[in-house]
Structure formats: structure tokens, C-alpha cells
C-alpha atoms as a PDB file:
ATOM      1  CA  UNK A   1      -9.520 -15.259  28.886  1.00  0.00           C
ATOM      2  CA  UNK A   2      -8.069 -14.263  25.513  1.00  0.00           C
ATOM      3  CA  UNK A   3     -10.363 -13.804  22.625  1.00  0.00           C
ATOM      4  CA  UNK A   4     -10.167 -16.311  19.704  1.00  0.00           C
ATOM      5  CA  UNK A   5      -8.839 -13.908  16.600  1.00  0.00           C
ATOM      6  CA  UNK A   6     -10.594 -14.408  13.143  1.00  0.00           C
ATOM      7  CA  UNK A   7     -10.612 -12.268   9.874  1.00  0.00           C
ATOM      8  CA  UNK A   8     -13.441 -11.928   7.441  1.00  0.00           C
ATOM      9  CA  UNK A   9     -12.916 -10.194   4.038  1.00  0.00           C
ATOM     10  CA  UNK A  10     -15.148  -9.022   1.252  1.00  0.00           C
ATOM     11  CA  UNK A  11     -13.670  -9.268  -1.838  1.00  0.00           C
ATOM     12  CA  UNK A  12     -15.096  -7.371  -5.212  1.00  0.00           C
ATOM     13  CA  UNK A  13     -13.866  -7.857  -8.411  1.00  0.00           C
ATOM     14  CA  UNK A  14     -13.303  -4.772 -10.919  1.00  0.00           C
ATOM     15  CA  UNK A  15     -17.001  -5.200 -12.155  1.00  0.00           C
ATOM     16  CA  UNK A  16     -18.630  -5.000  -8.539  1.00  0.00           C
ATOM     17  CA  UNK A  17     -19.173  -8.920  -8.209  1.00  0.00           C
ATOM     18  CA  UNK A  18     -18.338 -10.054  -4.425  1.00  0.00           C
ATOM     19  CA  UNK A  19     -16.581 -12.942  -3.522  1.00  0.00           C
ATOM     20  CA  UNK A  20     -18.578 -15.290  -0.903  1.00  0.00           C
ATOM     21  CA  UNK A  21     -17.849 -18.897   0.417  1.00  0.00           C
ATOM     22  CA  UNK A  22     -20.620 -21.583   1.086  1.00  0.00           C
ATOM     23  CA  UNK A  23     -19.884 -22.856   4.480  1.00  0.00           C
ATOM     24  CA  UNK A  24     -20.081 -26.339   5.786  1.00  0.00           C
ATOM     25  CA  UNK A  25     -18.343 -25.452   9.222  1.00  0.00           C
ATOM     26  CA  UNK A  26     -18.996 -24.601  12.132  1.00  0.00           C
ATOM     27  CA  UNK A  27     -22.681 -26.129  12.640  1.00  0.00           C
ATOM     28  CA  UNK A  28     -23.855 -22.411  12.937  1.00  0.00           C
ATOM     29  CA  UNK A  29     -22.637 -21.402   9.625  1.00  0.00           C
ATOM     30  CA  UNK A  30     -23.488 -24.562   7.748  1.00  0.00           C
ATOM     31  CA  UNK A  31     -25.431 -24.110   4.174  1.00  0.00           C
ATOM     32  CA  UNK A  32     -25.057 -20.152   4.621  1.00  0.00           C
ATOM     33  CA  UNK A  33     -22.861 -17.719   2.360  1.00  0.00           C
ATOM     34  CA  UNK A  34     -20.285 -15.778   4.236  1.00  0.00           C
ATOM     35  CA  UNK A  35     -17.283 -13.623   3.495  1.00  0.00           C
ATOM     36  CA  UNK A  36     -14.155 -15.226   3.214  1.00  0.00           C
ATOM     37  CA  UNK A  37     -11.902 -15.794   6.158  1.00  0.00           C
ATOM     38  CA  UNK A  38     -10.694 -18.013   9.356  1.00  0.00           C
ATOM     39  CA  UNK A  39      -8.575 -18.063  12.262  1.00  0.00           C
ATOM     40  CA  UNK A  40      -5.460 -16.231  12.858  1.00  0.00           C
ATOM     41  CA  UNK A  41      -2.520 -18.170  13.755  1.00  0.00           C
ATOM     42  CA  UNK A  42      -0.335 -17.525  16.527  1.00  0.00           C
ATOM     43  CA  UNK A  43       2.584 -14.910  15.500  1.00  0.00           C
ATOM     44  CA  UNK A  44       0.531 -13.928  12.610  1.00  0.00           C
ATOM     45  CA  UNK A  45      -0.649 -10.455  11.936  1.00  0.00           C
ATOM     46  CA  UNK A  46      -4.472  -9.776  11.196  1.00  0.00           C
ATOM     47  CA  UNK A  47      -3.722  -8.985   7.379  1.00  0.00           C
ATOM     48  CA  UNK A  48      -1.024 -11.542   6.835  1.00  0.00           C
ATOM     49  CA  UNK A  49      -4.014 -13.884   7.904  1.00  0.00           C
ATOM     50  CA  UNK A  50      -6.203 -12.330   5.486  1.00  0.00           C
ATOM     51  CA  UNK A  51      -4.062 -13.034   3.025  1.00  0.00           C
ATOM     52  CA  UNK A  52      -3.165 -16.498   3.675  1.00  0.00           C
ATOM     53  CA  UNK A  53      -6.917 -17.486   4.292  1.00  0.00           C
ATOM     54  CA  UNK A  54      -7.981 -15.761   1.010  1.00  0.00           C
ATOM     55  CA  UNK A  55      -5.452 -17.516  -0.799  1.00  0.00           C
ATOM     56  CA  UNK A  56      -6.172 -21.074   1.232  1.00  0.00           C
ATOM     57  CA  UNK A  57      -9.919 -20.609   0.201  1.00  0.00           C
ATOM     58  CA  UNK A  58      -9.844 -19.102  -3.433  1.00  0.00           C
ATOM     59  CA  UNK A  59      -6.518 -19.994  -4.854  1.00  0.00           C
ATOM     60  CA  UNK A  60      -6.032 -16.160  -5.549  1.00  0.00           C
ATOM     61  CA  UNK A  61      -2.959 -14.644  -3.354  1.00  0.00           C
ATOM     62  CA  UNK A  62      -3.233 -10.861  -2.892  1.00  0.00           C
ATOM     63  CA  UNK A  63      -0.657  -9.036  -0.710  1.00  0.00           C
ATOM     64  CA  UNK A  64      -1.643  -8.335   2.889  1.00  0.00           C
ATOM     65  CA  UNK A  65      -0.943  -4.797   2.478  1.00  0.00           C
ATOM     66  CA  UNK A  66      -3.947  -4.330  -0.345  1.00  0.00           C
ATOM     67  CA  UNK A  67      -6.743  -5.359   2.288  1.00  0.00           C
ATOM     68  CA  UNK A  68      -8.166  -2.436   3.926  1.00  0.00           C
ATOM     69  CA  UNK A  69      -9.482  -2.905   7.563  1.00  0.00           C
ATOM     70  CA  UNK A  70     -13.191  -1.532   8.210  1.00  0.00           C
ATOM     71  CA  UNK A  71     -13.865  -2.583  11.410  1.00  0.00           C
ATOM     72  CA  UNK A  72     -14.004  -5.064  13.884  1.00  0.00           C
ATOM     73  CA  UNK A  73     -16.511  -7.197  15.740  1.00  0.00           C
ATOM     74  CA  UNK A  74     -16.428  -8.606  19.282  1.00  0.00           C
ATOM     75  CA  UNK A  75     -18.544 -11.731  20.359  1.00  0.00           C
ATOM     76  CA  UNK A  76     -19.930 -11.957  23.951  1.00  0.00           C
ATOM     77  CA  UNK A  77     -18.265 -15.578  23.575  1.00  0.00           C
ATOM     78  CA  UNK A  78     -15.048 -14.514  23.229  1.00  0.00           C
ATOM     79  CA  UNK A  79     -14.026 -13.789  19.617  1.00  0.00           C
ATOM     80  CA  UNK A  80     -12.941 -10.975  17.900  1.00  0.00           C
ATOM     81  CA  UNK A  81     -13.137 -10.559  13.886  1.00  0.00           C
ATOM     82  CA  UNK A  82     -11.410  -7.994  11.994  1.00  0.00           C
ATOM     83  CA  UNK A  83     -13.183  -7.126   8.840  1.00  0.00           C
ATOM     84  CA  UNK A  84     -11.454  -6.524   5.477  1.00  0.00           C
ATOM     85  CA  UNK A  85     -12.292  -5.178   2.098  1.00  0.00           C
ATOM     86  CA  UNK A  86     -10.547  -5.080  -1.089  1.00  0.00           C
ATOM     87  CA  UNK A  87     -11.308  -4.411  -4.741  1.00  0.00           C
ATOM     88  CA  UNK A  88      -9.213  -6.132  -7.386  1.00  0.00           C
ATOM     89  CA  UNK A  89      -9.195  -7.475 -10.808  1.00  0.00           C
ATOM     90  CA  UNK A  90      -7.906 -10.551  -9.709  1.00  0.00           C
ATOM     91  CA  UNK A  91     -10.878 -11.514  -7.579  1.00  0.00           C
ATOM     92  CA  UNK A  92     -12.507 -12.543 -10.884  1.00  0.00           C
ATOM     93  CA  UNK A  93     -10.091 -15.668 -10.798  1.00  0.00           C
ATOM     94  CA  UNK A  94     -11.297 -16.933  -7.504  1.00  0.00           C
ATOM     95  CA  UNK A  95     -12.002 -20.757  -7.432  1.00  0.00           C
ATOM     96  CA  UNK A  96     -13.062 -23.378  -4.946  1.00  0.00           C
ATOM     97  CA  UNK A  97     -10.085 -24.443  -3.344  1.00  0.00           C
ATOM     98  CA  UNK A  98     -11.508 -26.472  -0.406  1.00  0.00           C
ATOM     99  CA  UNK A  99     -14.817 -28.669   0.321  1.00  0.00           C
ATOM    100  CA  UNK A 100     -16.304 -25.012   0.711  1.00  0.00           C
ATOM    101  CA  UNK A 101     -17.535 -23.358  -2.577  1.00  0.00           C
ATOM    102  CA  UNK A 102     -16.361 -20.243  -3.402  1.00  0.00           C
ATOM    103  CA  UNK A 103     -18.773 -18.016  -5.913  1.00  0.00           C
ATOM    104  CA  UNK A 104     -18.647 -14.487  -7.461  1.00  0.00           C
ATOM    105  CA  UNK A 105     -22.193 -13.048  -6.752  1.00  0.00           C
ATOM    106  CA  UNK A 106     -23.377  -9.546  -8.445  1.00  0.00           C
ATOM    107  CA  UNK A 107     -24.713  -7.320  -5.749  1.00  0.00           C
ATOM    108  CA  UNK A 108     -28.277  -7.125  -6.930  1.00  0.00           C
ATOM    109  CA  UNK A 109     -28.397 -11.100  -6.789  1.00  0.00           C
ATOM    110  CA  UNK A 110     -26.658 -12.022  -3.654  1.00  0.00           C
ATOM    111  CA  UNK A 111     -27.907 -15.381  -2.404  1.00  0.00           C
ATOM    112  CA  UNK A 112     -30.744 -15.647  -0.094  1.00  0.00           C
ATOM    113  CA  UNK A 113     -28.982 -18.120   2.691  1.00  0.00           C
ATOM    114  CA  UNK A 114     -26.188 -15.724   4.148  1.00  0.00           C
ATOM    115  CA  UNK A 115     -25.156 -15.451   7.585  1.00  0.00           C
ATOM    116  CA  UNK A 116     -27.664 -12.517   9.255  1.00  0.00           C
ATOM    117  CA  UNK A 117     -25.114  -9.757   9.239  1.00  0.00           C
ATOM    118  CA  UNK A 118     -23.309 -10.414   5.829  1.00  0.00           C
ATOM    119  CA  UNK A 119     -25.613  -8.340   3.449  1.00  0.00           C
ATOM    120  CA  UNK A 120     -24.726  -5.004   5.833  1.00  0.00           C
ATOM    121  CA  UNK A 121     -21.064  -5.909   6.133  1.00  0.00           C
ATOM    122  CA  UNK A 122     -20.854  -6.082   2.242  1.00  0.00           C
ATOM    123  CA  UNK A 123     -22.804  -2.675   2.217  1.00  0.00           C
ATOM    124  CA  UNK A 124     -20.237  -1.315   5.021  1.00  0.00           C
ATOM    125  CA  UNK A 125     -17.371  -3.018   2.937  1.00  0.00           C
ATOM    126  CA  UNK A 126     -18.340  -1.272  -0.266  1.00  0.00           C
ATOM    127  CA  UNK A 127     -18.379   2.245   1.343  1.00  0.00           C
ATOM    128  CA  UNK A 128     -14.903   1.832   3.001  1.00  0.00           C
ATOM    129  CA  UNK A 129     -13.372   0.479  -0.275  1.00  0.00           C
ATOM    130  CA  UNK A 130     -14.548   3.860  -1.905  1.00  0.00           C
ATOM    131  CA  UNK A 131     -12.716   5.835   0.843  1.00  0.00           C
ATOM    132  CA  UNK A 132     -15.448   7.015   3.190  1.00  0.00           C
ATOM    133  CA  UNK A 133     -13.637   7.700   6.470  1.00  0.00           C
ATOM    134  CA  UNK A 134     -16.993   7.472   8.201  1.00  0.00           C
ATOM    135  CA  UNK A 135     -17.290   3.882   7.636  1.00  0.00           C
ATOM    136  CA  UNK A 136     -14.837   2.646  10.484  1.00  0.00           C
ATOM    137  CA  UNK A 137     -16.975   0.315  12.806  1.00  0.00           C
ATOM    138  CA  UNK A 138     -16.481  -1.426  15.972  1.00  0.00           C
ATOM    139  CA  UNK A 139     -19.610  -3.894  16.452  1.00  0.00           C
ATOM    140  CA  UNK A 140     -20.060  -5.606  20.176  1.00  0.00           C
END
């Protein structure tokens, strides 16, 4: 059985705020904040999916080559998630582009209702965005 492929990105503006999305679905994520991402479509590269998903959910298009992959998560129920990070001044322009709210958060004021591992992933993505070669991770 082939694992379902996803991307998840943590995008920071030029003053250190992170863009998060308030999830309405799937049910286990509902009413919680998460990084921005989604399914990788058939024939699409992981980086291209990150560019597309971020644009669809925020209205901001950032070239796929600008995203840095910092890890991969494997779920026991048959999914894989490529993890990405980016720091770019255009992140301050994100807006809600679907029925799920997108908002920028200061690092010292992250929302309480986040997916369990999101705070850790945000901090790991910050280390990676600063060029720390020790950060590449593989969750299983």
C-alpha cells in the first residue's frame, strides 16, 4: 500500500511571525491551528505541492525553489508528510483564501489550540531556516 503524501510548511515573515491556518477539516484537526499544506497531487513534486498549497490557502505565491525541506513524518496509518520552512517578506501579505482562517502569530504569542506537534515543528523549522545542518529530521 502506498502512503498518502502531504506537505506542511512553516512560513515566517521578515520580523519573525509565523503563518498558521485554523483547520476546519479533517475532523481530528478541526478548531486547531496548524502549519499550511495539503495533499501532493499525482505527478506533482513535493516542492511544487508546497508552492501550490500555500498559494491556494494564503493568496501568496512563493516559488517552490525558495522552500527548504527540513524533514519528513511517517504516520502509522499510511501517510507521509514532507516538512518545509521559508522566511520571506511576502509572508506578511498572507490572507484567508478559503473557508479556513489564516493568521500571522508572534513567536511569543502562539495560539493555545494547536495540533500537538506544531510548536515543536515551528521551532525546528526556525533552526533549519537559519541554516543549522543538524536539524533534518525523520519522524516515524
